[in-house]
Amino acid sequence: MLRKTLIASAVAATMLATSASAETLRWTRSSDGLTLDPHSQNEGPTHALNHQIFDTLIYQDMDINYQPGLATDWYIHPDDPSVWVFEIREGVTFHEGQALTSEDVVFSLDRARHEYADMRGLLTSIKEVRAEDDYTVHVETHDPNPLLPNNLTNLFIMSKAWAEEHDVETPQNYAAGEETHAVRNANGTGPFRVESREPDTRTVMVRNDDYWGIDEYPMEVSELIFTPIESAATRVAALLSGEVDLLQETPVQDIERLANAEGIRNEQGAENRTIFLGMDLGSMELSTADTDDNPFADLRVREAINIAVDATTIQRAVMRGNSEPAGIIVPPFVNGYSSELDEVVPADTERAQALMAEAGYGDGFSVTLQCPNDRYMNDEQICQAVVSMLARIGISVNLDAQTRSLHFAELANGEYDFYMLGWGVPTMDIEYVFNYLYHSKESDLGTWNFTGYSNERIDELTVAMASETDEETRNAMIEEARQIVHDDIVYIPIHHQMLTWSMRDDIDFKVQSENTPHFKYLRFNQ
């Protein structure tokens, strides 16, 4: 289990004051944030954008170490193991001038527990949040929760007064397509202020010269212009022509080309994300299949799909080596990872065909696969490869690839029989995976479990591992839960994703495994 690192002195020693050579940075990636409402969506590009504008109590730096944000210290109450104490940074102001106090923290944590908030699954253990004084917050959990600080790295703090002024005390109902003031406007305490926002087109942010960390971080970017560009070829052309300075998520087919381009360099590393396929295995029948039952409900069909989808071929032919075939939906550096279960089962079309026949689907069936085309590296191309592979065992797949905003909205409404999803683990602990993907779907748990999978023992273990403080006992729980879902083949893992960022060669900036660039760390080489 991860422990917080005492780093305040290290940060102060290594960071320089604001550089006189501060300048504009033009940043692009394939997709925009879904919303500026900081609690509405628990989604990577959305968090990456909001981290520039808002602060969290605790955050993960460019090396994914835990660092103090708006909390200067956090610890379990000496008299009550069910209470976490957070000491709030003094002298912080929001972009519009409101002073940060404990009341804003209490408001934000309570807002993020609302039924519309996609962040609520991280906060299910919380019983009550209390302001003890202006700069001390007590978070009481139903049972001791050693992981609570890990769950707060993407939990942004809003101004209570601003939310009340603009009638956004509750989060945006994203699934219903709700539009609120917080969707396009923001008032955070972060290193950059929003100057203008055109969703899916352009967001301009300017440096917050009143930022509490102005003297602790380089803060060399004076203006941050974010322009999402869906087309891979257009993104690369924009970097090569000098229209943008930094390209996040470099297309795999262009990595070598950009590495050899004059004035451009690449930064690479493993991403905290696994790509996989999900299936509705709980319904009586599928809405897009040509059967009057549900083939996915049969374990033999799921096993056939698992050994028909050749992750090694996808790694070589689609990802050009820039992925690691997976057998489990947990990246290797996350607590609870199992190298034994991460062994990839070799593709076996003949065995898969036999399993299909044994399950009564020797003649196959048809079904629709829903896939984003602008969220993950080569997402649509991966789905195209899956279509070809499943055709060999009689499954005729109709591919429906569309923009991620539509993909996730329809997925959230439970409209998909078969879909692609990618999952990162910002808490760095496997409990997050079970909480969101495997627990029976309830109002606050299993919120991304669109499979219909429900296992009473998994539900018990998921809840228990969130509060168990004995490491040996907890590890045994994790091992049992891992084996159950692995044997049940709830999902079809494809690969652990790799990251490449390409940038001007005078930029000093490293890849962050969460794929969240904290631009307050970026430097320009002189």
Foldseek 3Di string as FASTA:
>chain_A
DDDADDCPVVLQVPAAFADPLFEAAEEEAAFAAQFLQLFQDPDQNVLLVNQQQFAWQWAQALQGHIDGIQFPDWDQPPVDLQKIKTFGDAPFAWPVGHGQWLVQVQLLLVQNCDLSGPLNLLVQQWDHWDRPDRGMIITGGPFRFPLNVLSTNSRTTADPVVCVVQVPSHDANLLVVGDGPRGFAGIHRHQWHWPGDDHQAKTKTAGDCSRPCNRSAHSSHGIYMYGYHNDLVVLVVCCLVVVGFKYWFRALVCQVVQCPRPQKHKFWDFAQKFKWKFFQLADQDAPFKPDNGHPSVDLLLLVLLQQLLALVCCCCPVNVVQWAFFQAGGDPQFALDDPVSRDRDHRDNVSSLVSCVVSVQNQEMEFEEEWESRRDRSTVVSVVSSQVSVVSNNYHYHYDYYHPSVSVSCLLVLNHRMYMDMDGDSSSYCLVVLQQAPDQDDSNGVSNPSRSHHDPLSNVLSVVLSRDDDPVVNSVSSVVNRVVCSSSSRIRTNTRGMIMMMGRPQKDAHHRNNSRGNCSNIDGHD
